[in-house]
PDB file of N, CA and C in Angstrom:
ATOM      1  N   MET A   1      61.487-262.035  82.409  1.00  0.00           N
ATOM      2  CA  MET A   1      61.413-262.999  83.498  1.00  0.00           C
ATOM      3  C   MET A   1      62.463-262.745  84.624  1.00  0.00           C
ATOM      4  N   SER A   2      63.582-262.334  84.242  1.00  0.00           N
ATOM      5  CA  SER A   2      64.645-262.044  85.270  1.00  0.00           C
ATOM      6  C   SER A   2      64.186-260.933  86.196  1.00  0.00           C
ATOM      7  N   HIS A   3      63.364-260.012  85.715  1.00  0.00           N
ATOM      8  CA  HIS A   3      62.780-258.970  86.600  1.00  0.00           C
ATOM      9  C   HIS A   3      61.917-259.670  87.785  1.00  0.00           C
ATOM     10  N   LEU A   4      61.221-260.624  87.391  1.00  0.00           N
ATOM     11  CA  LEU A   4      60.418-261.328  88.399  1.00  0.00           C
ATOM     12  C   LEU A   4      61.234-262.021  89.376  1.00  0.00           C
ATOM     13  N   ARG A   5      62.313-262.701  88.905  1.00  0.00           N
ATOM     14  CA  ARG A   5      63.167-263.368  89.756  1.00  0.00           C
ATOM     15  C   ARG A   5      63.852-262.476  90.746  1.00  0.00           C
ATOM     16  N   ILE A   6      64.286-261.313  90.351  1.00  0.00           N
ATOM     17  CA  ILE A   6      64.926-260.349  91.158  1.00  0.00           C
ATOM     18  C   ILE A   6      63.989-259.837  92.291  1.00  0.00           C
ATOM     19  N   SER A   7      62.693-259.590  91.839  1.00  0.00           N
ATOM     20  CA  SER A   7      61.728-259.074  92.775  1.00  0.00           C
ATOM     21  C   SER A   7      61.386-260.196  93.814  1.00  0.00           C
ATOM     22  N   PHE A   8      61.299-261.449  93.367  1.00  0.00           N
ATOM     23  CA  PHE A   8      60.986-262.564  94.255  1.00  0.00           C
ATOM     24  C   PHE A   8      62.168-262.774  95.207  1.00  0.00           C
ATOM     25  N   ALA A   9      63.344-262.664  94.697  1.00  0.00           N
ATOM     26  CA  ALA A   9      64.593-262.849  95.508  1.00  0.00           C
ATOM     27  C   ALA A   9      64.587-261.711  96.595  1.00  0.00           C
ATOM     28  N   GLY A  10      64.197-260.491  96.198  1.00  0.00           N
ATOM     29  CA  GLY A  10      64.245-259.383  97.121  1.00  0.00           C
ATOM     30  C   GLY A  10      63.205-259.625  98.165  1.00  0.00           C
ATOM     31  N   LEU A  11      62.026-260.093  97.825  1.00  0.00           N
ATOM     32  CA  LEU A  11      60.972-260.511  98.882  1.00  0.00           C
ATOM     33  C   LEU A  11      61.428-261.614  99.822  1.00  0.00           C
ATOM     34  N   PHE A  12      62.067-262.572  99.275  1.00  0.00           N
ATOM     35  CA  PHE A  12      62.559-263.686 100.047  1.00  0.00           C
ATOM     36  C   PHE A  12      63.549-263.185 101.008  1.00  0.00           C
ATOM     37  N   ALA A  13      64.586-262.479 100.502  1.00  0.00           N
ATOM     38  CA  ALA A  13      65.622-261.893 101.366  1.00  0.00           C
ATOM     39  C   ALA A  13      65.063-260.976 102.475  1.00  0.00           C
ATOM     40  N   CYS A  14      64.008-260.192 102.168  1.00  0.00           N
ATOM     41  CA  CYS A  14      63.400-259.398 103.102  1.00  0.00           C
ATOM     42  C   CYS A  14      62.735-260.209 104.221  1.00  0.00           C
ATOM     43  N   SER A  15      62.143-261.438 103.818  1.00  0.00           N
ATOM     44  CA  SER A  15      61.468-262.236 104.847  1.00  0.00           C
ATOM     45  C   SER A  15      62.376-262.960 105.748  1.00  0.00           C
ATOM     46  N   MET A  16      63.707-263.026 105.257  1.00  0.00           N
ATOM     47  CA  MET A  16      64.704-263.697 106.086  1.00  0.00           C
ATOM     48  C   MET A  16      65.399-262.804 107.042  1.00  0.00           C
ATOM     49  N   MET A  17      65.193-261.475 106.865  1.00  0.00           N
ATOM     50  CA  MET A  17      65.855-260.512 107.673  1.00  0.00           C
ATOM     51  C   MET A  17      65.238-260.360 109.069  1.00  0.00           C
ATOM     52  N   VAL A  18      65.837-259.612 109.937  1.00  0.00           N
ATOM     53  CA  VAL A  18      65.340-259.356 111.232  1.00  0.00           C
ATOM     54  C   VAL A  18      63.956-258.815 111.262  1.00  0.00           C
ATOM     55  N   ILE A  19      63.126-259.272 112.025  1.00  0.00           N
ATOM     56  CA  ILE A  19      61.783-258.870 112.197  1.00  0.00           C
ATOM     57  C   ILE A  19      61.677-257.420 112.296  1.00  0.00           C
ATOM     58  N   GLY A  20      60.829-256.792 111.487  1.00  0.00           N
ATOM     59  CA  GLY A  20      60.692-255.339 111.543  1.00  0.00           C
ATOM     60  C   GLY A  20      61.629-254.598 110.544  1.00  0.00           C
ATOM     61  N   ALA A  21      62.647-255.327 109.946  1.00  0.00           N
ATOM     62  CA  ALA A  21      63.514-254.667 109.064  1.00  0.00           C
ATOM     63  C   ALA A  21      62.819-254.266 107.809  1.00  0.00           C
ATOM     64  N   CYS A  22      61.897-255.056 107.312  1.00  0.00           N
ATOM     65  CA  CYS A  22      61.201-254.846 106.158  1.00  0.00           C
ATOM     66  C   CYS A  22      59.690-254.434 106.298  1.00  0.00           C
ATOM     67  N   GLY A  23      59.234-254.684 107.548  1.00  0.00           N
ATOM     68  CA  GLY A  23      57.772-254.429 107.825  1.00  0.00           C
ATOM     69  C   GLY A  23      57.607-253.135 108.510  1.00  0.00           C
ATOM     70  N   PRO A  24      56.556-253.012 109.220  1.00  0.00           N
ATOM     71  CA  PRO A  24      56.194-251.767 109.847  1.00  0.00           C
ATOM     72  C   PRO A  24      57.124-251.420 110.893  1.00  0.00           C
ATOM     73  N   THR A  25      57.340-250.086 111.246  1.00  0.00           N
ATOM     74  CA  THR A  25      58.165-249.659 112.299  1.00  0.00           C
ATOM     75  C   THR A  25      57.493-249.869 113.689  1.00  0.00           C
ATOM     76  N   PRO A  26      58.178-249.866 114.742  1.00  0.00           N
ATOM     77  CA  PRO A  26      57.542-250.147 116.095  1.00  0.00           C
ATOM     78  C   PRO A  26      56.330-249.217 116.340  1.00  0.00           C
ATOM     79  N   SER A  27      56.213-248.040 115.857  1.00  0.00           N
ATOM     80  CA  SER A  27      55.185-247.162 116.128  1.00  0.00           C
ATOM     81  C   SER A  27      53.877-247.491 115.310  1.00  0.00           C
ATOM     82  N   ASP A  28      53.996-248.459 114.323  1.00  0.00           N
ATOM     83  CA  ASP A  28      52.867-248.670 113.429  1.00  0.00           C
ATOM     84  C   ASP A  28      51.879-249.697 113.997  1.00  0.00           C
ATOM     85  N   GLY A  29      52.024-250.312 115.156  1.00  0.00           N
ATOM     86  CA  GLY A  29      51.085-251.174 115.643  1.00  0.00           C
ATOM     87  C   GLY A  29      51.437-251.858 116.940  1.00  0.00           C
ATOM     88  N   ASP A  30      50.459-252.472 117.653  1.00  0.00           N
ATOM     89  CA  ASP A  30      50.601-252.964 119.022  1.00  0.00           C
ATOM     90  C   ASP A  30      51.473-254.234 118.971  1.00  0.00           C
ATOM     91  N   ASP A  31      51.643-254.857 117.794  1.00  0.00           N
ATOM     92  CA  ASP A  31      52.389-256.135 117.874  1.00  0.00           C
ATOM     93  C   ASP A  31      53.903-255.891 117.684  1.00  0.00           C
ATOM     94  N   ASN A  32      54.271-254.661 117.613  1.00  0.00           N
ATOM     95  CA  ASN A  32      55.676-254.286 117.374  1.00  0.00           C
ATOM     96  C   ASN A  32      56.313-253.685 118.655  1.00  0.00           C
ATOM     97  N   CYS A  33      57.556-253.862 118.860  1.00  0.00           N
ATOM     98  CA  CYS A  33      58.191-253.412 120.018  1.00  0.00           C
ATOM     99  C   CYS A  33      59.633-252.939 119.685  1.00  0.00           C
ATOM    100  N   ASN A  34      60.142-251.981 120.423  1.00  0.00           N
ATOM    101  CA  ASN A  34      61.544-251.584 120.356  1.00  0.00           C
ATOM    102  C   ASN A  34      62.361-252.675 121.015  1.00  0.00           C
ATOM    103  N   GLU A  35      63.540-252.777 120.504  1.00  0.00           N
ATOM    104  CA  GLU A  35      64.394-253.917 120.998  1.00  0.00           C
ATOM    105  C   GLU A  35      64.992-253.408 122.400  1.00  0.00           C
ATOM    106  N   MET A  36      64.948-254.414 123.314  1.00  0.00           N
ATOM    107  CA  MET A  36      65.488-254.213 124.628  1.00  0.00           C
ATOM    108  C   MET A  36      66.725-255.084 124.739  1.00  0.00           C
ATOM    109  N   VAL A  37      67.809-254.588 125.337  1.00  0.00           N
ATOM    110  CA  VAL A  37      69.076-255.310 125.395  1.00  0.00           C
ATOM    111  C   VAL A  37      69.062-256.272 126.600  1.00  0.00           C
ATOM    112  N   PRO A  38      69.329-257.558 126.320  1.00  0.00           N
ATOM    113  CA  PRO A  38      69.353-258.553 127.399  1.00  0.00           C
ATOM    114  C   PRO A  38      70.729-258.504 128.091  1.00  0.00           C
ATOM    115  N   GLY A  39      70.727-258.908 129.347  1.00  0.00           N
ATOM    116  CA  GLY A  39      71.886-259.002 130.138  1.00  0.00           C
ATOM    117  C   GLY A  39      71.686-258.516 131.536  1.00  0.00           C
ATOM    118  N   PRO A  40      72.735-258.029 132.175  1.00  0.00           N
ATOM    119  CA  PRO A  40      72.652-257.539 133.574  1.00  0.00           C
ATOM    120  C   PRO A  40      72.021-256.087 133.559  1.00  0.00           C
ATOM    121  N   TRP A  41      71.075-255.915 134.394  1.00  0.00           N
ATOM    122  CA  TRP A  41      70.377-254.674 134.611  1.00  0.00           C
ATOM    123  C   TRP A  41      70.371-254.256 136.036  1.00  0.00           C
ATOM    124  N   GLY A  42      70.399-252.929 136.276  1.00  0.00           N
ATOM    125  CA  GLY A  42      70.332-252.369 137.655  1.00  0.00           C
ATOM    126  C   GLY A  42      68.928-251.753 137.756  1.00  0.00           C
ATOM    127  N   ALA A  43      68.303-251.754 138.901  1.00  0.00           N
ATOM    128  CA  ALA A  43      67.003-251.143 139.113  1.00  0.00           C
ATOM    129  C   ALA A  43      67.179-250.251 140.432  1.00  0.00           C
ATOM    130  N   SER A  44      66.513-249.147 140.336  1.00  0.00           N
ATOM    131  CA  SER A  44      66.472-248.171 141.476  1.00  0.00           C
ATOM    132  C   SER A  44      65.188-247.354 141.438  1.00  0.00           C
ATOM    133  N   GLY A  45      64.953-246.627 142.478  1.00  0.00           N
ATOM    134  CA  GLY A  45      63.855-245.722 142.592  1.00  0.00           C
ATOM    135  C   GLY A  45      62.912-246.184 143.696  1.00  0.00           C
ATOM    136  N   SER A  46      62.035-245.297 144.066  1.00  0.00           N
ATOM    137  CA  SER A  46      61.084-245.573 145.170  1.00  0.00           C
ATOM    138  C   SER A  46      60.218-246.748 145.002  1.00  0.00           C
ATOM    139  N   ALA A  47      59.966-247.174 143.748  1.00  0.00           N
ATOM    140  CA  ALA A  47      59.197-248.391 143.506  1.00  0.00           C
ATOM    141  C   ALA A  47      59.890-249.606 143.966  1.00  0.00           C
ATOM    142  N   PHE A  48      61.237-249.648 143.866  1.00  0.00           N
ATOM    143  CA  PHE A  48      62.064-250.768 144.340  1.00  0.00           C
ATOM    144  C   PHE A  48      62.519-250.648 145.784  1.00  0.00           C
ATOM    145  N   GLY A  49      62.563-249.426 146.202  1.00  0.00           N
ATOM    146  CA  GLY A  49      62.927-249.271 147.651  1.00  0.00           C
ATOM    147  C   GLY A  49      64.396-249.114 147.900  1.00  0.00           C
ATOM    148  N   MET A  50      65.218-249.773 146.972  1.00  0.00           N
ATOM    149  CA  MET A  50      66.692-249.627 147.087  1.00  0.00           C
ATOM    150  C   MET A  50      67.317-250.114 145.696  1.00  0.00           C
ATOM    151  N   GLU A  51      68.545-249.957 145.571  1.00  0.00           N
ATOM    152  CA  GLU A  51      69.215-250.382 144.306  1.00  0.00           C
ATOM    153  C   GLU A  51      69.369-251.855 144.275  1.00  0.00           C
ATOM    154  N   MET A  52      68.979-252.438 143.097  1.00  0.00           N
ATOM    155  CA  MET A  52      69.114-253.916 143.000  1.00  0.00           C
ATOM    156  C   MET A  52      69.657-254.166 141.579  1.00  0.00           C
ATOM    157  N   THR A  53      69.964-255.457 141.396  1.00  0.00           N
ATOM    158  CA  THR A  53      70.365-255.985 140.083  1.00  0.00           C
ATOM    159  C   THR A  53      69.502-257.262 139.739  1.00  0.00           C
ATOM    160  N   THR A  54      69.459-257.440 138.381  1.00  0.00           N
ATOM    161  CA  THR A  54      68.634-258.614 137.839  1.00  0.00           C
ATOM    162  C   THR A  54      69.321-258.981 136.550  1.00  0.00           C
ATOM    163  N   THR A  55      69.103-260.137 136.132  1.00  0.00           N
ATOM    164  CA  THR A  55      69.413-260.639 134.854  1.00  0.00           C
ATOM    165  C   THR A  55      68.130-260.525 133.962  1.00  0.00           C
ATOM    166  N   THR A  56      68.281-259.876 132.786  1.00  0.00           N
ATOM    167  CA  THR A  56      67.139-259.659 131.865  1.00  0.00           C
ATOM    168  C   THR A  56      67.349-260.579 130.607  1.00  0.00           C
ATOM    169  N   ALA A  57      66.286-261.369 130.354  1.00  0.00           N
ATOM    170  CA  ALA A  57      66.213-262.054 129.041  1.00  0.00           C
ATOM    171  C   ALA A  57      65.197-261.438 128.194  1.00  0.00           C
ATOM    172  N   VAL A  58      65.325-261.422 126.930  1.00  0.00           N
ATOM    173  CA  VAL A  58      64.344-260.873 126.053  1.00  0.00           C
ATOM    174  C   VAL A  58      63.995-261.825 124.926  1.00  0.00           C
ATOM    175  N   SER A  59      62.699-262.009 124.695  1.00  0.00           N
ATOM    176  CA  SER A  59      62.260-262.868 123.612  1.00  0.00           C
ATOM    177  C   SER A  59      61.106-262.147 122.930  1.00  0.00           C
ATOM    178  N   GLY A  60      61.402-261.655 121.732  1.00  0.00           N
ATOM    179  CA  GLY A  60      60.362-260.826 121.052  1.00  0.00           C
ATOM    180  C   GLY A  60      59.998-259.559 121.846  1.00  0.00           C
ATOM    181  N   CYS A  61      58.707-259.398 122.189  1.00  0.00           N
ATOM    182  CA  CYS A  61      58.314-258.263 122.875  1.00  0.00           C
ATOM    183  C   CYS A  61      57.993-258.501 124.371  1.00  0.00           C
ATOM    184  N   GLU A  62      58.796-259.565 124.924  1.00  0.00           N
ATOM    185  CA  GLU A  62      58.647-259.907 126.316  1.00  0.00           C
ATOM    186  C   GLU A  62      60.034-259.954 126.961  1.00  0.00           C
ATOM    187  N   ALA A  63      60.097-259.344 128.142  1.00  0.00           N
ATOM    188  CA  ALA A  63      61.310-259.367 128.920  1.00  0.00           C
ATOM    189  C   ALA A  63      61.016-260.224 130.211  1.00  0.00           C
ATOM    190  N   THR A  64      61.985-261.019 130.615  1.00  0.00           N
ATOM    191  CA  THR A  64      61.907-261.735 131.865  1.00  0.00           C
ATOM    192  C   THR A  64      63.104-261.407 132.782  1.00  0.00           C
ATOM    193  N   PHE A  65      62.752-261.071 134.047  1.00  0.00           N
ATOM    194  CA  PHE A  65      63.794-260.746 134.946  1.00  0.00           C
ATOM    195  C   PHE A  65      63.974-261.935 135.942  1.00  0.00           C
ATOM    196  N   SER A  66      65.179-262.191 136.186  1.00  0.00           N
ATOM    197  CA  SER A  66      65.525-263.345 137.139  1.00  0.00           C
ATOM    198  C   SER A  66      66.807-263.012 137.895  1.00  0.00           C
ATOM    199  N   ASN A  67      67.102-263.792 138.818  1.00  0.00           N
ATOM    200  CA  ASN A  67      68.364-263.686 139.645  1.00  0.00           C
ATOM    201  C   ASN A  67      68.391-262.333 140.350  1.00  0.00           C
ATOM    202  N   TRP A  68      67.265-261.786 140.824  1.00  0.00           N
ATOM    203  CA  TRP A  68      67.368-260.553 141.598  1.00  0.00           C
ATOM    204  C   TRP A  68      68.256-260.763 142.772  1.00  0.00           C
ATOM    205  N   ASP A  69      69.036-259.747 143.149  1.00  0.00           N
ATOM    206  CA  ASP A  69      70.036-259.817 144.198  1.00  0.00           C
ATOM    207  C   ASP A  69      69.297-259.509 145.607  1.00  0.00           C
ATOM    208  N   MET A  70      68.073-259.202 145.562  1.00  0.00           N
ATOM    209  CA  MET A  70      67.376-258.926 146.792  1.00  0.00           C
ATOM    210  C   MET A  70      65.980-259.738 146.791  1.00  0.00           C
ATOM    211  N   ALA A  71      65.640-260.256 147.920  1.00  0.00           N
ATOM    212  CA  ALA A  71      64.481-261.022 148.117  1.00  0.00           C
ATOM    213  C   ALA A  71      63.255-260.143 148.552  1.00  0.00           C
ATOM    214  N   MET A  72      62.916-259.274 147.628  1.00  0.00           N
ATOM    215  CA  MET A  72      61.787-258.308 147.960  1.00  0.00           C
ATOM    216  C   MET A  72      60.748-258.549 146.851  1.00  0.00           C
ATOM    217  N   SER A  73      59.641-257.657 146.863  1.00  0.00           N
ATOM    218  CA  SER A  73      58.779-257.692 145.763  1.00  0.00           C
ATOM    219  C   SER A  73      59.379-257.011 144.580  1.00  0.00           C
ATOM    220  N   VAL A  74      59.592-257.883 143.494  1.00  0.00           N
ATOM    221  CA  VAL A  74      60.249-257.373 142.288  1.00  0.00           C
ATOM    222  C   VAL A  74      59.366-257.825 141.041  1.00  0.00           C
ATOM    223  N   PRO A  75      59.437-257.184 139.984  1.00  0.00           N
ATOM    224  CA  PRO A  75      58.701-257.537 138.778  1.00  0.00           C
ATOM    225  C   PRO A  75      59.249-258.884 138.214  1.00  0.00           C
ATOM    226  N   GLU A  76      58.382-259.692 137.637  1.00  0.00           N
ATOM    227  CA  GLU A  76      58.831-260.957 136.968  1.00  0.00           C
ATOM    228  C   GLU A  76      59.330-260.701 135.558  1.00  0.00           C
ATOM    229  N   GLY A  77      58.689-259.596 134.998  1.00  0.00           N
ATOM    230  CA  GLY A  77      59.038-259.310 133.561  1.00  0.00           C
ATOM    231  C   GLY A  77      58.310-258.145 133.152  1.00  0.00           C
ATOM    232  N   ALA A  78      58.261-257.951 131.760  1.00  0.00           N
ATOM    233  CA  ALA A  78      57.621-256.774 131.231  1.00  0.00           C
ATOM    234  C   ALA A  78      57.221-257.068 129.772  1.00  0.00           C
ATOM    235  N   THR A  79      56.162-256.487 129.345  1.00  0.00           N
ATOM    236  CA  THR A  79      55.700-256.570 127.967  1.00  0.00           C
ATOM    237  C   THR A  79      56.034-255.221 127.382  1.00  0.00           C
ATOM    238  N   ILE A  80      56.604-255.237 126.077  1.00  0.00           N
ATOM    239  CA  ILE A  80      57.048-254.100 125.388  1.00  0.00           C
ATOM    240  C   ILE A  80      56.120-253.876 124.181  1.00  0.00           C
ATOM    241  N   SER A  81      55.653-252.666 124.029  1.00  0.00           N
ATOM    242  CA  SER A  81      54.809-252.315 122.831  1.00  0.00           C
ATOM    243  C   SER A  81      55.321-250.911 122.364  1.00  0.00           C
ATOM    244  N   GLY A  82      56.054-250.955 121.218  1.00  0.00           N
ATOM    245  CA  GLY A  82      56.636-249.738 120.831  1.00  0.00           C
ATOM    246  C   GLY A  82      57.752-249.463 121.850  1.00  0.00           C
ATOM    247  N   ALA A  83      57.784-248.296 122.391  1.00  0.00           N
ATOM    248  CA  ALA A  83      58.697-247.958 123.559  1.00  0.00           C
ATOM    249  C   ALA A  83      57.989-248.081 124.829  1.00  0.00           C
ATOM    250  N   ASP A  84      56.780-248.462 124.973  1.00  0.00           N
ATOM    251  CA  ASP A  84      56.037-248.530 126.180  1.00  0.00           C
ATOM    252  C   ASP A  84      56.340-249.845 126.835  1.00  0.00           C
ATOM    253  N   ILE A  85      56.524-249.813 128.117  1.00  0.00           N
ATOM    254  CA  ILE A  85      56.789-251.029 128.994  1.00  0.00           C
ATOM    255  C   ILE A  85      55.632-251.144 129.980  1.00  0.00           C
ATOM    256  N   THR A  86      55.102-252.401 130.149  1.00  0.00           N
ATOM    257  CA  THR A  86      54.245-252.659 131.159  1.00  0.00           C
ATOM    258  C   THR A  86      54.745-253.821 132.002  1.00  0.00           C
ATOM    259  N   PHE A  87      55.027-253.601 133.201  1.00  0.00           N
ATOM    260  CA  PHE A  87      55.677-254.629 134.074  1.00  0.00           C
ATOM    261  C   PHE A  87      54.625-255.710 134.426  1.00  0.00           C
ATOM    262  N   THR A  88      55.142-256.928 134.671  1.00  0.00           N
ATOM    263  CA  THR A  88      54.309-258.010 135.086  1.00  0.00           C
ATOM    264  C   THR A  88      54.850-258.637 136.323  1.00  0.00           C
ATOM    265  N   GLY A  89      53.872-259.312 137.114  1.00  0.00           N
ATOM    266  CA  GLY A  89      54.226-259.843 138.355  1.00  0.00           C
ATOM    267  C   GLY A  89      53.303-259.320 139.483  1.00  0.00           C
ATOM    268  N   ALA A  90      53.214-260.084 140.487  1.00  0.00           N
ATOM    269  CA  ALA A  90      52.328-259.596 141.642  1.00  0.00           C
ATOM    270  C   ALA A  90      52.771-258.293 142.206  1.00  0.00           C
ATOM    271  N   GLY A  91      51.819-257.388 142.187  1.00  0.00           N
ATOM    272  CA  GLY A  91      52.130-256.014 142.670  1.00  0.00           C
ATOM    273  C   GLY A  91      52.810-255.069 141.728  1.00  0.00           C
ATOM    274  N   TRP A  92      53.021-255.548 140.492  1.00  0.00           N
ATOM    275  CA  TRP A  92      53.724-254.739 139.507  1.00  0.00           C
ATOM    276  C   TRP A  92      52.970-254.388 138.260  1.00  0.00           C
ATOM    277  N   ASP A  93      51.693-254.976 138.132  1.00  0.00           N
ATOM    278  CA  ASP A  93      50.879-254.863 136.948  1.00  0.00           C
ATOM    279  C   ASP A  93      50.501-253.361 136.732  1.00  0.00           C
ATOM    280  N   ASP A  94      50.541-252.538 137.758  1.00  0.00           N
ATOM    281  CA  ASP A  94      50.208-251.137 137.651  1.00  0.00           C
ATOM    282  C   ASP A  94      51.379-250.241 137.395  1.00  0.00           C
ATOM    283  N   CYS A  95      52.523-250.824 137.011  1.00  0.00           N
ATOM    284  CA  CYS A  95      53.721-250.013 136.835  1.00  0.00           C
ATOM    285  C   CYS A  95      54.002-250.093 135.280  1.00  0.00           C
ATOM    286  N   THR A  96      54.256-248.897 134.840  1.00  0.00           N
ATOM    287  CA  THR A  96      54.642-248.715 133.385  1.00  0.00           C
ATOM    288  C   THR A  96      55.832-247.833 133.194  1.00  0.00           C
ATOM    289  N   GLY A  97      56.480-247.821 132.024  1.00  0.00           N
ATOM    290  CA  GLY A  97      57.587-247.078 131.712  1.00  0.00           C
ATOM    291  C   GLY A  97      57.808-246.868 130.276  1.00  0.00           C
ATOM    292  N   THR A  98      58.959-246.233 129.907  1.00  0.00           N
ATOM    293  CA  THR A  98      59.340-246.046 128.583  1.00  0.00           C
ATOM    294  C   THR A  98      60.767-246.601 128.418  1.00  0.00           C
ATOM    295  N   LEU A  99      60.928-247.394 127.295  1.00  0.00           N
ATOM    296  CA  LEU A  99      62.241-247.919 126.976  1.00  0.00           C
ATOM    297  C   LEU A  99      62.942-246.940 126.170  1.00  0.00           C
ATOM    298  N   SER A 100      64.171-246.662 126.523  1.00  0.00           N
ATOM    299  CA  SER A 100      64.988-245.682 125.687  1.00  0.00           C
ATOM    300  C   SER A 100      65.247-246.191 124.220  1.00  0.00           C
ATOM    301  N   ASP A 101      65.515-245.276 123.355  1.00  0.00           N
ATOM    302  CA  ASP A 101      65.768-245.632 121.906  1.00  0.00           C
ATOM    303  C   ASP A 101      66.903-246.652 121.766  1.00  0.00           C
ATOM    304  N   ASP A 102      67.939-246.654 122.588  1.00  0.00           N
ATOM    305  CA  ASP A 102      68.917-247.685 122.502  1.00  0.00           C
ATOM    306  C   ASP A 102      68.638-248.950 123.222  1.00  0.00           C
ATOM    307  N   GLY A 103      67.505-249.041 123.824  1.00  0.00           N
ATOM    308  CA  GLY A 103      67.077-250.235 124.515  1.00  0.00           C
ATOM    309  C   GLY A 103      67.829-250.600 125.800  1.00  0.00           C
ATOM    310  N   MET A 104      68.449-249.618 126.357  1.00  0.00           N
ATOM    311  CA  MET A 104      69.375-249.856 127.456  1.00  0.00           C
ATOM    312  C   MET A 104      68.919-249.193 128.795  1.00  0.00           C
ATOM    313  N   SER A 105      67.724-248.584 128.804  1.00  0.00           N
ATOM    314  CA  SER A 105      67.251-248.021 129.985  1.00  0.00           C
ATOM    315  C   SER A 105      65.724-247.840 129.997  1.00  0.00           C
ATOM    316  N   ILE A 106      65.100-247.822 131.209  1.00  0.00           N
ATOM    317  CA  ILE A 106      63.757-247.606 131.347  1.00  0.00           C
ATOM    318  C   ILE A 106      63.446-246.658 132.415  1.00  0.00           C
ATOM    319  N   THR A 107      62.577-245.666 132.199  1.00  0.00           N
ATOM    320  CA  THR A 107      62.106-244.759 133.314  1.00  0.00           C
ATOM    321  C   THR A 107      60.592-244.931 133.369  1.00  0.00           C
ATOM    322  N   GLY A 108      60.083-244.965 134.642  1.00  0.00           N
ATOM    323  CA  GLY A 108      58.637-245.179 134.786  1.00  0.00           C
ATOM    324  C   GLY A 108      58.136-244.960 136.075  1.00  0.00           C
ATOM    325  N   GLU A 109      56.911-245.281 136.305  1.00  0.00           N
ATOM    326  CA  GLU A 109      56.199-245.134 137.635  1.00  0.00           C
ATOM    327  C   GLU A 109      55.100-246.144 137.791  1.00  0.00           C
ATOM    328  N   CYS A 110      54.694-246.194 139.043  1.00  0.00           N
ATOM    329  CA  CYS A 110      53.527-247.087 139.333  1.00  0.00           C
ATOM    330  C   CYS A 110      52.310-246.232 139.646  1.00  0.00           C
ATOM    331  N   SER A 111      51.143-246.778 139.773  1.00  0.00           N
ATOM    332  CA  SER A 111      50.003-245.956 139.945  1.00  0.00           C
ATOM    333  C   SER A 111      49.929-245.319 141.350  1.00  0.00           C
ATOM    334  N   ASP A 112      50.773-245.733 142.261  1.00  0.00           N
ATOM    335  CA  ASP A 112      50.847-245.149 143.574  1.00  0.00           C
ATOM    336  C   ASP A 112      51.793-243.859 143.562  1.00  0.00           C
ATOM    337  N   GLY A 113      52.323-243.545 142.374  1.00  0.00           N
ATOM    338  CA  GLY A 113      53.248-242.422 142.248  1.00  0.00           C
ATOM    339  C   GLY A 113      54.728-242.731 142.449  1.00  0.00           C
ATOM    340  N   SER A 114      55.057-243.940 142.882  1.00  0.00           N
ATOM    341  CA  SER A 114      56.447-244.321 143.093  1.00  0.00           C
ATOM    342  C   SER A 114      57.123-244.437 141.754  1.00  0.00           C
ATOM    343  N   ALA A 115      58.460-243.932 141.697  1.00  0.00           N
ATOM    344  CA  ALA A 115      59.174-243.903 140.437  1.00  0.00           C
ATOM    345  C   ALA A 115      60.105-245.086 140.357  1.00  0.00           C
ATOM    346  N   LEU A 116      60.547-245.400 139.127  1.00  0.00           N
ATOM    347  CA  LEU A 116      61.468-246.530 138.896  1.00  0.00           C
ATOM    348  C   LEU A 116      62.419-246.139 137.675  1.00  0.00           C
ATOM    349  N   THR A 117      63.612-246.592 137.857  1.00  0.00           N
ATOM    350  CA  THR A 117      64.534-246.549 136.711  1.00  0.00           C
ATOM    351  C   THR A 117      65.314-247.866 136.693  1.00  0.00           C
ATOM    352  N   MET A 118      65.451-248.381 135.454  1.00  0.00           N
ATOM    353  CA  MET A 118      66.270-249.509 135.227  1.00  0.00           C
ATOM    354  C   MET A 118      67.269-249.245 134.064  1.00  0.00           C
ATOM    355  N   ALA A 119      68.493-249.810 134.195  1.00  0.00           N
ATOM    356  CA  ALA A 119      69.437-249.559 133.243  1.00  0.00           C
ATOM    357  C   ALA A 119      70.396-250.731 133.000  1.00  0.00           C
ATOM    358  N   MET A 120      70.757-250.915 131.728  1.00  0.00           N
ATOM    359  CA  MET A 120      71.651-251.959 131.451  1.00  0.00           C
ATOM    360  C   MET A 120      72.977-251.635 132.152  1.00  0.00           C
ATOM    361  N   GLN A 121      73.666-252.637 132.766  1.00  0.00           N
ATOM    362  CA  GLN A 121      74.896-252.467 133.396  1.00  0.00           C
ATOM    363  C   GLN A 121      75.981-252.901 132.354  1.00  0.00           C
ATOM    364  N   GLU A 122      76.912-252.076 132.061  1.00  0.00           N
ATOM    365  CA  GLU A 122      77.972-252.406 131.122  1.00  0.00           C
ATOM    366  C   GLU A 122      79.243-252.780 131.782  1.00  0.00           C
TER     367      GLU A 122
END
């Protein structure tokens, strides 16, 4: 009987751990995403037109950008699937990128060929 208790306890502990620690890896399905680091981020590249900064909040596989330091066309957020990023917001839905393994940078482009880079500011 103690063997069953240990197994049950292990399953319970696993269910209480960080999402993904006991389940599939980010590359195993569309519902999983790599972790993106929240905080101050910088943005540059021809898609942005100039260097800018934003505050990034992350909830699950969704990032939200706020407090942009420029009043231009900027993305509202992004959806993360594995390491793939799809930006959201008017004029940004055709922009995609790749989140680095450490969750602290994005490189990407938009369908018009303009490039973008975003990086966590330390």
